[in-house]
Amino acid sequence: REDQKIAAITAHRSQHPDVDRMQTRVRAFLQDNARRGGLPEGRSAEA
């Protein structure tokens, strides 16, 4: 559901001066959440 989340965030176009960086950072945050939560490598999570 990463793409769905990013599409929802990107819908707030007035808030994103650098869309590509935002999207990259969001994916990294999701992967970091998964690591902290003990999920297998390559998974994404919200905390």
PDB file of all heavy atoms in Angstrom:
ATOM      1  N   ARG A   1       0.817  -1.214   0.000  1.00  0.00           N
ATOM      2  CA  ARG A   1       0.000   0.000   0.000  1.00  0.00           C
ATOM      3  C   ARG A   1       0.857   1.273   0.000  1.00  0.00           C
ATOM      4  O   ARG A   1       0.337   2.371   0.198  1.00  0.00           O
ATOM      5  CB  ARG A   1      -0.952   0.000   1.194  1.00  0.00           C
ATOM      6  CG  ARG A   1      -1.970  -1.135   1.117  1.00  0.00           C
ATOM      7  CD  ARG A   1      -3.159  -0.940   2.012  1.00  0.00           C
ATOM      8  NE  ARG A   1      -4.112  -2.043   1.846  1.00  0.00           N
ATOM      9  CZ  ARG A   1      -5.071  -2.074   0.931  1.00  0.00           C
ATOM     10  NH1 ARG A   1      -5.199  -1.053   0.079  1.00  0.00           N
ATOM     11  NH2 ARG A   1      -5.888  -3.106   0.844  1.00  0.00           N
ATOM     12  N   GLU A   2       2.143   1.120  -0.255  1.00  0.00           N
ATOM     13  CA  GLU A   2       3.028   2.281  -0.266  1.00  0.00           C
ATOM     14  C   GLU A   2       2.608   3.295  -1.333  1.00  0.00           C
ATOM     15  O   GLU A   2       2.562   4.507  -1.075  1.00  0.00           O
ATOM     16  CB  GLU A   2       4.481   1.850  -0.514  1.00  0.00           C
ATOM     17  CG  GLU A   2       5.057   0.929   0.540  1.00  0.00           C
ATOM     18  CD  GLU A   2       4.901  -0.548   0.194  1.00  0.00           C
ATOM     19  OE1 GLU A   2       4.013  -0.883  -0.634  1.00  0.00           O
ATOM     20  OE2 GLU A   2       5.680  -1.363   0.738  1.00  0.00           O
ATOM     21  N   ASP A   3       2.294   2.811  -2.534  1.00  0.00           N
ATOM     22  CA  ASP A   3       1.919   3.728  -3.607  1.00  0.00           C
ATOM     23  C   ASP A   3       0.622   4.457  -3.293  1.00  0.00           C
ATOM     24  O   ASP A   3       0.461   5.645  -3.629  1.00  0.00           O
ATOM     25  CB  ASP A   3       1.775   2.975  -4.937  1.00  0.00           C
ATOM     26  CG  ASP A   3       3.106   2.486  -5.499  1.00  0.00           C
ATOM     27  OD1 ASP A   3       4.163   2.926  -4.989  1.00  0.00           O
ATOM     28  OD2 ASP A   3       3.085   1.667  -6.434  1.00  0.00           O
ATOM     29  N   GLN A   4      -0.300   3.770  -2.650  1.00  0.00           N
ATOM     30  CA  GLN A   4      -1.574   4.381  -2.271  1.00  0.00           C
ATOM     31  C   GLN A   4      -1.347   5.499  -1.257  1.00  0.00           C
ATOM     32  O   GLN A   4      -1.943   6.586  -1.356  1.00  0.00           O
ATOM     33  CB  GLN A   4      -2.506   3.315  -1.710  1.00  0.00           C
ATOM     34  CG  GLN A   4      -3.975   3.683  -1.685  1.00  0.00           C
ATOM     35  CD  GLN A   4      -4.860   2.497  -1.314  1.00  0.00           C
ATOM     36  OE1 GLN A   4      -4.360   1.407  -0.993  1.00  0.00           O
ATOM     37  NE2 GLN A   4      -6.162   2.706  -1.346  1.00  0.00           N
ATOM     38  N   LYS A   5      -0.480   5.232  -0.282  1.00  0.00           N
ATOM     39  CA  LYS A   5      -0.151   6.245   0.717  1.00  0.00           C
ATOM     40  C   LYS A   5       0.517   7.453   0.064  1.00  0.00           C
ATOM     41  O   LYS A   5       0.149   8.608   0.339  1.00  0.00           O
ATOM     42  CB  LYS A   5       0.781   5.653   1.771  1.00  0.00           C
ATOM     43  CG  LYS A   5       1.235   6.646   2.844  1.00  0.00           C
ATOM     44  CD  LYS A   5       2.213   5.986   3.803  1.00  0.00           C
ATOM     45  CE  LYS A   5       2.678   6.957   4.874  1.00  0.00           C
ATOM     46  NZ  LYS A   5       1.627   7.245   5.874  1.00  0.00           N
ATOM     47  N   ILE A   6       1.472   7.194  -0.794  1.00  0.00           N
ATOM     48  CA  ILE A   6       2.198   8.290  -1.425  1.00  0.00           C
ATOM     49  C   ILE A   6       1.282   9.110  -2.328  1.00  0.00           C
ATOM     50  O   ILE A   6       1.385  10.341  -2.399  1.00  0.00           O
ATOM     51  CB  ILE A   6       3.421   7.747  -2.180  1.00  0.00           C
ATOM     52  CG1 ILE A   6       4.486   7.330  -1.147  1.00  0.00           C
ATOM     53  CG2 ILE A   6       3.979   8.773  -3.160  1.00  0.00           C
ATOM     54  CD1 ILE A   6       5.673   6.630  -1.725  1.00  0.00           C
ATOM     55  N   ALA A   7       0.351   8.445  -2.996  1.00  0.00           N
ATOM     56  CA  ALA A   7      -0.617   9.179  -3.820  1.00  0.00           C
ATOM     57  C   ALA A   7      -1.469  10.097  -2.945  1.00  0.00           C
ATOM     58  O   ALA A   7      -1.762  11.244  -3.332  1.00  0.00           O
ATOM     59  CB  ALA A   7      -1.505   8.198  -4.585  1.00  0.00           C
ATOM     60  N   ALA A   8      -1.867   9.613  -1.769  1.00  0.00           N
ATOM     61  CA  ALA A   8      -2.669  10.443  -0.867  1.00  0.00           C
ATOM     62  C   ALA A   8      -1.874  11.648  -0.375  1.00  0.00           C
ATOM     63  O   ALA A   8      -2.392  12.773  -0.330  1.00  0.00           O
ATOM     64  CB  ALA A   8      -3.159   9.607   0.316  1.00  0.00           C
ATOM     65  N   ILE A   9      -0.612  11.439  -0.032  1.00  0.00           N
ATOM     66  CA  ILE A   9       0.221  12.560   0.406  1.00  0.00           C
ATOM     67  C   ILE A   9       0.436  13.543  -0.738  1.00  0.00           C
ATOM     68  O   ILE A   9       0.350  14.768  -0.560  1.00  0.00           O
ATOM     69  CB  ILE A   9       1.579  12.058   0.937  1.00  0.00           C
ATOM     70  CG1 ILE A   9       1.382  11.169   2.170  1.00  0.00           C
ATOM     71  CG2 ILE A   9       2.488  13.236   1.290  1.00  0.00           C
ATOM     72  CD1 ILE A   9       2.655  10.476   2.635  1.00  0.00           C
ATOM     73  N   THR A  10       0.692  13.027  -1.919  1.00  0.00           N
ATOM     74  CA  THR A  10       0.970  13.872  -3.078  1.00  0.00           C
ATOM     75  C   THR A  10      -0.246  14.698  -3.478  1.00  0.00           C
ATOM     76  O   THR A  10      -0.105  15.766  -4.095  1.00  0.00           O
ATOM     77  CB  THR A  10       1.453  13.004  -4.261  1.00  0.00           C
ATOM     78  OG1 THR A  10       2.586  12.228  -3.831  1.00  0.00           O
ATOM     79  CG2 THR A  10       1.877  13.849  -5.441  1.00  0.00           C
ATOM     80  N   ALA A  11      -1.445  14.249  -3.108  1.00  0.00           N
ATOM     81  CA  ALA A  11      -2.656  15.020  -3.406  1.00  0.00           C
ATOM     82  C   ALA A  11      -2.628  16.397  -2.754  1.00  0.00           C
ATOM     83  O   ALA A  11      -3.306  17.322  -3.217  1.00  0.00           O
ATOM     84  CB  ALA A  11      -3.891  14.249  -2.946  1.00  0.00           C
ATOM     85  N   HIS A  12      -1.817  16.541  -1.716  1.00  0.00           N
ATOM     86  CA  HIS A  12      -1.669  17.849  -1.060  1.00  0.00           C
ATOM     87  C   HIS A  12      -0.583  18.635  -1.798  1.00  0.00           C
ATOM     88  O   HIS A  12       0.476  18.938  -1.237  1.00  0.00           O
ATOM     89  CB  HIS A  12      -1.293  17.647   0.410  1.00  0.00           C
ATOM     90  CG  HIS A  12      -2.302  16.870   1.193  1.00  0.00           C
ATOM     91  ND1 HIS A  12      -3.383  17.458   1.814  1.00  0.00           N
ATOM     92  CD2 HIS A  12      -2.404  15.539   1.436  1.00  0.00           C
ATOM     93  CE1 HIS A  12      -4.109  16.534   2.414  1.00  0.00           C
ATOM     94  NE2 HIS A  12      -3.535  15.356   2.202  1.00  0.00           N
ATOM     95  N   ARG A  13      -0.854  18.960  -3.038  1.00  0.00           N
ATOM     96  CA  ARG A  13       0.190  19.525  -3.908  1.00  0.00           C
ATOM     97  C   ARG A  13       0.718  20.848  -3.382  1.00  0.00           C
ATOM     98  O   ARG A  13       1.889  21.197  -3.611  1.00  0.00           O
ATOM     99  CB  ARG A  13      -0.340  19.717  -5.328  1.00  0.00           C
ATOM    100  CG  ARG A  13      -1.424  20.778  -5.471  1.00  0.00           C
ATOM    101  CD  ARG A  13      -1.548  21.278  -6.915  1.00  0.00           C
ATOM    102  NE  ARG A  13      -2.412  22.460  -6.976  1.00  0.00           N
ATOM    103  CZ  ARG A  13      -1.983  23.689  -6.751  1.00  0.00           C
ATOM    104  NH1 ARG A  13      -0.717  23.910  -6.448  1.00  0.00           N
ATOM    105  NH2 ARG A  13      -2.813  24.717  -6.811  1.00  0.00           N
ATOM    106  N   SER A  14      -0.111  21.622  -2.660  1.00  0.00           N
ATOM    107  CA  SER A  14       0.333  22.923  -2.170  1.00  0.00           C
ATOM    108  C   SER A  14       1.407  22.804  -1.098  1.00  0.00           C
ATOM    109  O   SER A  14       2.037  23.809  -0.747  1.00  0.00           O
ATOM    110  CB  SER A  14      -0.864  23.700  -1.604  1.00  0.00           C
ATOM    111  OG  SER A  14      -1.394  23.059  -0.455  1.00  0.00           O
ATOM    112  N   GLN A  15       1.644  21.597  -0.583  1.00  0.00           N
ATOM    113  CA  GLN A  15       2.562  21.412   0.541  1.00  0.00           C
ATOM    114  C   GLN A  15       3.916  20.829   0.144  1.00  0.00           C
ATOM    115  O   GLN A  15       4.750  20.587   1.013  1.00  0.00           O
ATOM    116  CB  GLN A  15       1.916  20.489   1.579  1.00  0.00           C
ATOM    117  CG  GLN A  15       0.547  20.959   2.041  1.00  0.00           C
ATOM    118  CD  GLN A  15       0.559  22.385   2.549  1.00  0.00           C
ATOM    119  OE1 GLN A  15       1.207  22.682   3.546  1.00  0.00           O
ATOM    120  NE2 GLN A  15      -0.134  23.273   1.854  1.00  0.00           N
ATOM    121  N   HIS A  16       4.125  20.579  -1.154  1.00  0.00           N
ATOM    122  CA  HIS A  16       5.319  19.830  -1.546  1.00  0.00           C
ATOM    123  C   HIS A  16       6.153  20.569  -2.590  1.00  0.00           C
ATOM    124  O   HIS A  16       5.898  20.477  -3.790  1.00  0.00           O
ATOM    125  CB  HIS A  16       4.921  18.451  -2.081  1.00  0.00           C
ATOM    126  CG  HIS A  16       4.139  17.651  -1.102  1.00  0.00           C
ATOM    127  ND1 HIS A  16       4.624  17.327   0.152  1.00  0.00           N
ATOM    128  CD2 HIS A  16       2.893  17.127  -1.157  1.00  0.00           C
ATOM    129  CE1 HIS A  16       3.708  16.640   0.808  1.00  0.00           C
ATOM    130  NE2 HIS A  16       2.652  16.515   0.042  1.00  0.00           N
ATOM    131  N   PRO A  17       7.182  21.300  -2.136  1.00  0.00           N
ATOM    132  CA  PRO A  17       8.065  21.967  -3.092  1.00  0.00           C
ATOM    133  C   PRO A  17       8.989  20.991  -3.817  1.00  0.00           C
ATOM    134  O   PRO A  17       9.530  21.321  -4.871  1.00  0.00           O
ATOM    135  CB  PRO A  17       8.867  22.930  -2.210  1.00  0.00           C
ATOM    136  CG  PRO A  17       8.878  22.284  -0.859  1.00  0.00           C
ATOM    137  CD  PRO A  17       7.551  21.587  -0.739  1.00  0.00           C
ATOM    138  N   ASP A  18       9.197  19.795  -3.256  1.00  0.00           N
ATOM    139  CA  ASP A  18      10.070  18.787  -3.863  1.00  0.00           C
ATOM    140  C   ASP A  18       9.384  17.429  -3.719  1.00  0.00           C
ATOM    141  O   ASP A  18       9.615  16.694  -2.755  1.00  0.00           O
ATOM    142  CB  ASP A  18      11.436  18.793  -3.177  1.00  0.00           C
ATOM    143  CG  ASP A  18      12.459  17.907  -3.868  1.00  0.00           C
ATOM    144  OD1 ASP A  18      12.046  17.016  -4.648  1.00  0.00           O
ATOM    145  OD2 ASP A  18      13.665  18.092  -3.624  1.00  0.00           O
ATOM    146  N   VAL A  19       8.535  17.100  -4.682  1.00  0.00           N
ATOM    147  CA  VAL A  19       7.716  15.888  -4.603  1.00  0.00           C
ATOM    148  C   VAL A  19       8.586  14.639  -4.599  1.00  0.00           C
ATOM    149  O   VAL A  19       8.343  13.698  -3.824  1.00  0.00           O
ATOM    150  CB  VAL A  19       6.699  15.846  -5.756  1.00  0.00           C
ATOM    151  CG1 VAL A  19       5.973  14.496  -5.788  1.00  0.00           C
ATOM    152  CG2 VAL A  19       5.695  16.979  -5.612  1.00  0.00           C
ATOM    153  N   ASP A  20       9.611  14.598  -5.433  1.00  0.00           N
ATOM    154  CA  ASP A  20      10.440  13.397  -5.526  1.00  0.00           C
ATOM    155  C   ASP A  20      11.133  13.101  -4.195  1.00  0.00           C
ATOM    156  O   ASP A  20      11.172  11.942  -3.755  1.00  0.00           O
ATOM    157  CB  ASP A  20      11.488  13.560  -6.628  1.00  0.00           C
ATOM    158  CG  ASP A  20      10.882  13.541  -8.025  1.00  0.00           C
ATOM    159  OD1 ASP A  20       9.728  13.069  -8.160  1.00  0.00           O
ATOM    160  OD2 ASP A  20      11.542  14.007  -8.974  1.00  0.00           O
ATOM    161  N   ARG A  21      11.667  14.129  -3.559  1.00  0.00           N
ATOM    162  CA  ARG A  21      12.347  13.913  -2.277  1.00  0.00           C
ATOM    163  C   ARG A  21      11.343  13.446  -1.227  1.00  0.00           C
ATOM    164  O   ARG A  21      11.648  12.535  -0.439  1.00  0.00           O
ATOM    165  CB  ARG A  21      13.045  15.191  -1.821  1.00  0.00           C
ATOM    166  CG  ARG A  21      13.827  15.004  -0.510  1.00  0.00           C
ATOM    167  CD  ARG A  21      14.604  16.264  -0.146  1.00  0.00           C
ATOM    168  NE  ARG A  21      15.438  16.022   1.024  1.00  0.00           N
ATOM    169  CZ  ARG A  21      15.014  16.086   2.290  1.00  0.00           C
ATOM    170  NH1 ARG A  21      13.745  16.372   2.541  1.00  0.00           N
ATOM    171  NH2 ARG A  21      15.838  15.849   3.294  1.00  0.00           N
ATOM    172  N   MET A  22      10.175  14.057  -1.219  1.00  0.00           N
ATOM    173  CA  MET A  22       9.153  13.645  -0.252  1.00  0.00           C
ATOM    174  C   MET A  22       8.821  12.172  -0.421  1.00  0.00           C
ATOM    175  O   MET A  22       8.768  11.414   0.556  1.00  0.00           O
ATOM    176  CB  MET A  22       7.892  14.497  -0.425  1.00  0.00           C
ATOM    177  CG  MET A  22       6.718  14.093   0.455  1.00  0.00           C
ATOM    178  SD  MET A  22       5.694  12.767  -0.255  1.00  0.00           S
ATOM    179  CE  MET A  22       4.933  13.617  -1.623  1.00  0.00           C
ATOM    180  N   GLN A  23       8.603  11.747  -1.642  1.00  0.00           N
ATOM    181  CA  GLN A  23       8.213  10.362  -1.879  1.00  0.00           C
ATOM    182  C   GLN A  23       9.321   9.396  -1.477  1.00  0.00           C
ATOM    183  O   GLN A  23       9.048   8.339  -0.889  1.00  0.00           O
ATOM    184  CB  GLN A  23       7.834  10.187  -3.348  1.00  0.00           C
ATOM    185  CG  GLN A  23       6.578  10.966  -3.731  1.00  0.00           C
ATOM    186  CD  GLN A  23       6.188  10.773  -5.186  1.00  0.00           C
ATOM    187  OE1 GLN A  23       6.965  10.246  -5.988  1.00  0.00           O
ATOM    188  NE2 GLN A  23       4.993  11.210  -5.543  1.00  0.00           N
ATOM    189  N   THR A  24      10.563   9.754  -1.738  1.00  0.00           N
ATOM    190  CA  THR A  24      11.694   8.910  -1.345  1.00  0.00           C
ATOM    191  C   THR A  24      11.781   8.796   0.172  1.00  0.00           C
ATOM    192  O   THR A  24      11.990   7.701   0.722  1.00  0.00           O
ATOM    193  CB  THR A  24      13.007   9.480  -1.901  1.00  0.00           C
ATOM    194  OG1 THR A  24      12.948   9.487  -3.337  1.00  0.00           O
ATOM    195  CG2 THR A  24      14.200   8.646  -1.456  1.00  0.00           C
ATOM    196  N   ARG A  25      11.595   9.926   0.861  1.00  0.00           N
ATOM    197  CA  ARG A  25      11.691   9.917   2.312  1.00  0.00           C
ATOM    198  C   ARG A  25      10.556   9.103   2.934  1.00  0.00           C
ATOM    199  O   ARG A  25      10.747   8.386   3.916  1.00  0.00           O
ATOM    200  CB  ARG A  25      11.675  11.352   2.863  1.00  0.00           C
ATOM    201  CG  ARG A  25      12.884  12.195   2.489  1.00  0.00           C
ATOM    202  CD  ARG A  25      14.186  11.561   2.958  1.00  0.00           C
ATOM    203  NE  ARG A  25      14.211  11.388   4.396  1.00  0.00           N
ATOM    204  CZ  ARG A  25      14.754  10.336   5.028  1.00  0.00           C
ATOM    205  NH1 ARG A  25      15.297   9.349   4.332  1.00  0.00           N
ATOM    206  NH2 ARG A  25      14.750  10.281   6.341  1.00  0.00           N
ATOM    207  N   VAL A  26       9.354   9.212   2.381  1.00  0.00           N
ATOM    208  CA  VAL A  26       8.223   8.456   2.924  1.00  0.00           C
ATOM    209  C   VAL A  26       8.485   6.961   2.829  1.00  0.00           C
ATOM    210  O   VAL A  26       8.246   6.205   3.783  1.00  0.00           O
ATOM    211  CB  VAL A  26       6.916   8.834   2.210  1.00  0.00           C
ATOM    212  CG1 VAL A  26       5.793   7.857   2.562  1.00  0.00           C
ATOM    213  CG2 VAL A  26       6.502  10.258   2.587  1.00  0.00           C
ATOM    214  N   ARG A  27       8.983   6.495   1.694  1.00  0.00           N
ATOM    215  CA  ARG A  27       9.287   5.067   1.552  1.00  0.00           C
ATOM    216  C   ARG A  27      10.351   4.639   2.566  1.00  0.00           C
ATOM    217  O   ARG A  27      10.264   3.548   3.154  1.00  0.00           O
ATOM    218  CB  ARG A  27       9.751   4.768   0.126  1.00  0.00           C
ATOM    219  CG  ARG A  27       8.644   4.911  -0.916  1.00  0.00           C
ATOM    220  CD  ARG A  27       9.125   4.502  -2.296  1.00  0.00           C
ATOM    221  NE  ARG A  27       8.136   4.836  -3.311  1.00  0.00           N
ATOM    222  CZ  ARG A  27       7.079   4.083  -3.616  1.00  0.00           C
ATOM    223  NH1 ARG A  27       6.898   2.934  -2.979  1.00  0.00           N
ATOM    224  NH2 ARG A  27       6.225   4.452  -4.544  1.00  0.00           N
ATOM    225  N   ALA A  28      11.330   5.511   2.793  1.00  0.00           N
ATOM    226  CA  ALA A  28      12.378   5.185   3.767  1.00  0.00           C
ATOM    227  C   ALA A  28      11.817   5.117   5.184  1.00  0.00           C
ATOM    228  O   ALA A  28      12.174   4.231   5.966  1.00  0.00           O
ATOM    229  CB  ALA A  28      13.499   6.226   3.697  1.00  0.00           C
ATOM    230  N   PHE A  29      10.911   6.035   5.526  1.00  0.00           N
ATOM    231  CA  PHE A  29      10.279   6.008   6.841  1.00  0.00           C
ATOM    232  C   PHE A  29       9.497   4.715   7.043  1.00  0.00           C
ATOM    233  O   PHE A  29       9.534   4.102   8.118  1.00  0.00           O
ATOM    234  CB  PHE A  29       9.335   7.200   7.012  1.00  0.00           C
ATOM    235  CG  PHE A  29      10.028   8.518   7.234  1.00  0.00           C
ATOM    236  CD1 PHE A  29       9.522   9.681   6.662  1.00  0.00           C
ATOM    237  CD2 PHE A  29      11.168   8.612   8.012  1.00  0.00           C
ATOM    238  CE1 PHE A  29      10.149  10.899   6.861  1.00  0.00           C
ATOM    239  CE2 PHE A  29      11.804   9.831   8.214  1.00  0.00           C
ATOM    240  CZ  PHE A  29      11.288  10.984   7.636  1.00  0.00           C
ATOM    241  N   LEU A  30       8.757   4.289   6.025  1.00  0.00           N
ATOM    242  CA  LEU A  30       7.965   3.066   6.139  1.00  0.00           C
ATOM    243  C   LEU A  30       8.865   1.848   6.362  1.00  0.00           C
ATOM    244  O   LEU A  30       8.542   0.968   7.165  1.00  0.00           O
ATOM    245  CB  LEU A  30       7.118   2.871   4.880  1.00  0.00           C
ATOM    246  CG  LEU A  30       5.993   3.883   4.653  1.00  0.00           C
ATOM    247  CD1 LEU A  30       5.326   3.634   3.298  1.00  0.00           C
ATOM    248  CD2 LEU A  30       4.963   3.835   5.771  1.00  0.00           C
ATOM    249  N   GLN A  31       9.980   1.802   5.662  1.00  0.00           N
ATOM    250  CA  GLN A  31      10.903   0.678   5.826  1.00  0.00           C
ATOM    251  C   GLN A  31      11.568   0.712   7.194  1.00  0.00           C
ATOM    252  O   GLN A  31      11.781  -0.333   7.823  1.00  0.00           O
ATOM    253  CB  GLN A  31      11.936   0.702   4.702  1.00  0.00           C
ATOM    254  CG  GLN A  31      11.328   0.393   3.338  1.00  0.00           C
ATOM    255  CD  GLN A  31      12.315   0.572   2.204  1.00  0.00           C
ATOM    256  OE1 GLN A  31      13.484   0.900   2.420  1.00  0.00           O
ATOM    257  NE2 GLN A  31      11.842   0.387   0.982  1.00  0.00           N
ATOM    258  N   ASP A  32      11.886   1.918   7.687  1.00  0.00           N
ATOM    259  CA  ASP A  32      12.479   2.035   9.017  1.00  0.00           C
ATOM    260  C   ASP A  32      11.484   1.602  10.093  1.00  0.00           C
ATOM    261  O   ASP A  32      11.857   0.926  11.061  1.00  0.00           O
ATOM    262  CB  ASP A  32      12.926   3.476   9.257  1.00  0.00           C
ATOM    263  CG  ASP A  32      13.650   3.645  10.583  1.00  0.00           C
ATOM    264  OD1 ASP A  32      14.668   2.957  10.803  1.00  0.00           O
ATOM    265  OD2 ASP A  32      13.180   4.440  11.416  1.00  0.00           O
ATOM    266  N   ASN A  33      10.212   1.976   9.929  1.00  0.00           N
ATOM    267  CA  ASN A  33       9.183   1.518  10.870  1.00  0.00           C
ATOM    268  C   ASN A  33       9.144  -0.009  10.931  1.00  0.00           C
ATOM    269  O   ASN A  33       9.050  -0.607  12.002  1.00  0.00           O
ATOM    270  CB  ASN A  33       7.804   2.021  10.439  1.00  0.00           C
ATOM    271  CG  ASN A  33       7.621   3.512  10.606  1.00  0.00           C
ATOM    272  OD1 ASN A  33       8.354   4.162  11.352  1.00  0.00           O
ATOM    273  ND2 ASN A  33       6.635   4.075   9.910  1.00  0.00           N
ATOM    274  N   ALA A  34       9.198  -0.627   9.752  1.00  0.00           N
ATOM    275  CA  ALA A  34       9.137  -2.087   9.688  1.00  0.00           C
ATOM    276  C   ALA A  34      10.324  -2.716  10.410  1.00  0.00           C
ATOM    277  O   ALA A  34      10.174  -3.713  11.131  1.00  0.00           O
ATOM    278  CB  ALA A  34       9.079  -2.540   8.237  1.00  0.00           C
ATOM    279  N   ARG A  35      11.499  -2.149  10.247  1.00  0.00           N
ATOM    280  CA  ARG A  35      12.682  -2.677  10.939  1.00  0.00           C
ATOM    281  C   ARG A  35      12.512  -2.556  12.448  1.00  0.00           C
ATOM    282  O   ARG A  35      12.810  -3.500  13.187  1.00  0.00           O
ATOM    283  CB  ARG A  35      13.945  -1.932  10.472  1.00  0.00           C
ATOM    284  CG  ARG A  35      14.465  -2.387   9.107  1.00  0.00           C
ATOM    285  CD  ARG A  35      15.845  -1.817   8.832  1.00  0.00           C
ATOM    286  NE  ARG A  35      15.782  -0.377   8.571  1.00  0.00           N
ATOM    287  CZ  ARG A  35      15.597   0.156   7.379  1.00  0.00           C
ATOM    288  NH1 ARG A  35      15.424  -0.612   6.319  1.00  0.00           N
ATOM    289  NH2 ARG A  35      15.564   1.470   7.228  1.00  0.00           N
ATOM    290  N   ARG A  36      12.045  -1.408  12.921  1.00  0.00           N
ATOM    291  CA  ARG A  36      11.848  -1.234  14.367  1.00  0.00           C
ATOM    292  C   ARG A  36      10.787  -2.188  14.898  1.00  0.00           C
ATOM    293  O   ARG A  36      10.844  -2.621  16.048  1.00  0.00           O
ATOM    294  CB  ARG A  36      11.442   0.208  14.697  1.00  0.00           C
ATOM    295  CG  ARG A  36      12.534   1.230  14.489  1.00  0.00           C
ATOM    296  CD  ARG A  36      12.286   2.499  15.314  1.00  0.00           C
ATOM    297  NE  ARG A  36      10.920   2.967  15.219  1.00  0.00           N
ATOM    298  CZ  ARG A  36      10.420   3.673  14.201  1.00  0.00           C
ATOM    299  NH1 ARG A  36      11.203   3.966  13.170  1.00  0.00           N
ATOM    300  NH2 ARG A  36       9.160   4.090  14.208  1.00  0.00           N
ATOM    301  N   GLY A  37       9.821  -2.508  14.056  1.00  0.00           N
ATOM    302  CA  GLY A  37       8.765  -3.412  14.462  1.00  0.00           C
ATOM    303  C   GLY A  37       9.114  -4.878  14.324  1.00  0.00           C
ATOM    304  O   GLY A  37       8.277  -5.743  14.631  1.00  0.00           O
ATOM    305  N   GLY A  38      10.319  -5.174  13.848  1.00  0.00           N
ATOM    306  CA  GLY A  38      10.757  -6.558  13.723  1.00  0.00           C
ATOM    307  C   GLY A  38      10.183  -7.280  12.525  1.00  0.00           C
ATOM    308  O   GLY A  38      10.199  -8.524  12.487  1.00  0.00           O
ATOM    309  N   LEU A  39       9.702  -6.551  11.521  1.00  0.00           N
ATOM    310  CA  LEU A  39       9.186  -7.184  10.310  1.00  0.00           C
ATOM    311  C   LEU A  39      10.347  -7.607   9.420  1.00  0.00           C
ATOM    312  O   LEU A  39      11.460  -7.067   9.525  1.00  0.00           O
ATOM    313  CB  LEU A  39       8.268  -6.238   9.548  1.00  0.00           C
ATOM    314  CG  LEU A  39       6.798  -6.178  10.007  1.00  0.00           C
ATOM    315  CD1 LEU A  39       6.678  -5.610  11.408  1.00  0.00           C
ATOM    316  CD2 LEU A  39       5.963  -5.349   9.027  1.00  0.00           C
ATOM    317  N   PRO A  40      10.121  -8.581   8.525  1.00  0.00           N
ATOM    318  CA  PRO A  40      11.195  -9.025   7.633  1.00  0.00           C
ATOM    319  C   PRO A  40      11.715  -7.893   6.744  1.00  0.00           C
ATOM    320  O   PRO A  40      10.987  -6.940   6.448  1.00  0.00           O
ATOM    321  CB  PRO A  40      10.516 -10.107   6.787  1.00  0.00           C
ATOM    322  CG  PRO A  40       9.360 -10.570   7.609  1.00  0.00           C
ATOM    323  CD  PRO A  40       8.888  -9.371   8.355  1.00  0.00           C
ATOM    324  N   GLU A  41      12.946  -8.012   6.335  1.00  0.00           N
ATOM    325  CA  GLU A  41      13.573  -7.027   5.459  1.00  0.00           C
ATOM    326  C   GLU A  41      12.737  -6.845   4.198  1.00  0.00           C
ATOM    327  O   GLU A  41      12.223  -7.805   3.632  1.00  0.00           O
ATOM    328  CB  GLU A  41      14.992  -7.464   5.088  1.00  0.00           C
ATOM    329  CG  GLU A  41      15.805  -6.401   4.375  1.00  0.00           C
ATOM    330  CD  GLU A  41      16.123  -5.214   5.268  1.00  0.00           C
ATOM    331  OE1 GLU A  41      16.209  -5.395   6.503  1.00  0.00           O
ATOM    332  OE2 GLU A  41      16.281  -4.106   4.722  1.00  0.00           O
ATOM    333  N   GLY A  42      12.582  -5.595   3.792  1.00  0.00           N
ATOM    334  CA  GLY A  42      11.826  -5.298   2.577  1.00  0.00           C
ATOM    335  C   GLY A  42      10.363  -4.979   2.822  1.00  0.00           C
ATOM    336  O   GLY A  42       9.649  -4.595   1.896  1.00  0.00           O
ATOM    337  N   ARG A  43       9.909  -5.120   4.069  1.00  0.00           N
ATOM    338  CA  ARG A  43       8.517  -4.802   4.378  1.00  0.00           C
ATOM    339  C   ARG A  43       8.381  -3.323   4.720  1.00  0.00           C
ATOM    340  O   ARG A  43       9.361  -2.624   5.002  1.00  0.00           O
ATOM    341  CB  ARG A  43       8.003  -5.643   5.550  1.00  0.00           C
ATOM    342  CG  ARG A  43       8.201  -7.118   5.414  1.00  0.00           C
ATOM    343  CD  ARG A  43       7.464  -7.700   4.215  1.00  0.00           C
ATOM    344  NE  ARG A  43       6.010  -7.734   4.411  1.00  0.00           N
ATOM    345  CZ  ARG A  43       5.157  -8.234   3.510  1.00  0.00           C
ATOM    346  NH1 ARG A  43       5.621  -8.693   2.348  1.00  0.00           N
ATOM    347  NH2 ARG A  43       3.859  -8.242   3.749  1.00  0.00           N
ATOM    348  N   SER A  44       7.138  -2.837   4.715  1.00  0.00           N
ATOM    349  CA  SER A  44       6.825  -1.463   5.085  1.00  0.00           C
ATOM    350  C   SER A  44       5.797  -1.483   6.208  1.00  0.00           C
ATOM    351  O   SER A  44       4.942  -2.370   6.268  1.00  0.00           O
ATOM    352  CB  SER A  44       6.237  -0.700   3.891  1.00  0.00           C
ATOM    353  OG  SER A  44       7.183  -0.561   2.852  1.00  0.00           O
ATOM    354  N   ALA A  45       5.882  -0.494   7.094  1.00  0.00           N
ATOM    355  CA  ALA A  45       4.946  -0.449   8.220  1.00  0.00           C
ATOM    356  C   ALA A  45       4.662   0.985   8.621  1.00  0.00           C
ATOM    357  O   ALA A  45       5.470   1.886   8.411  1.00  0.00           O
ATOM    358  CB  ALA A  45       5.508  -1.219   9.414  1.00  0.00           C
ATOM    359  N   GLU A  46       3.491   1.162   9.226  1.00  0.00           N
ATOM    360  CA  GLU A  46       3.170   2.385   9.942  1.00  0.00           C
ATOM    361  C   GLU A  46       3.165   2.054  11.430  1.00  0.00           C
ATOM    362  O   GLU A  46       2.775   0.952  11.828  1.00  0.00           O
ATOM    363  CB  GLU A  46       1.823   2.950   9.494  1.00  0.00           C
ATOM    364  CG  GLU A  46       1.894   3.533   8.090  1.00  0.00           C
ATOM    365  CD  GLU A  46       0.570   4.094   7.595  1.00  0.00           C
ATOM    366  OE1 GLU A  46      -0.512   3.637   8.042  1.00  0.00           O
ATOM    367  OE2 GLU A  46       0.625   4.982   6.720  1.00  0.00           O
ATOM    368  N   ALA A  47       3.614   3.029  12.254  1.00  0.00           N
ATOM    369  CA  ALA A  47       3.819   2.787  13.679  1.00  0.00           C
ATOM    370  C   ALA A  47       2.833   3.605  14.512  1.00  0.00           C
ATOM    371  O   ALA A  47       2.552   4.766  14.197  1.00  0.00           O
ATOM    372  CB  ALA A  47       5.246   3.153  14.066  1.00  0.00           C
TER     373      ALA A  47
END
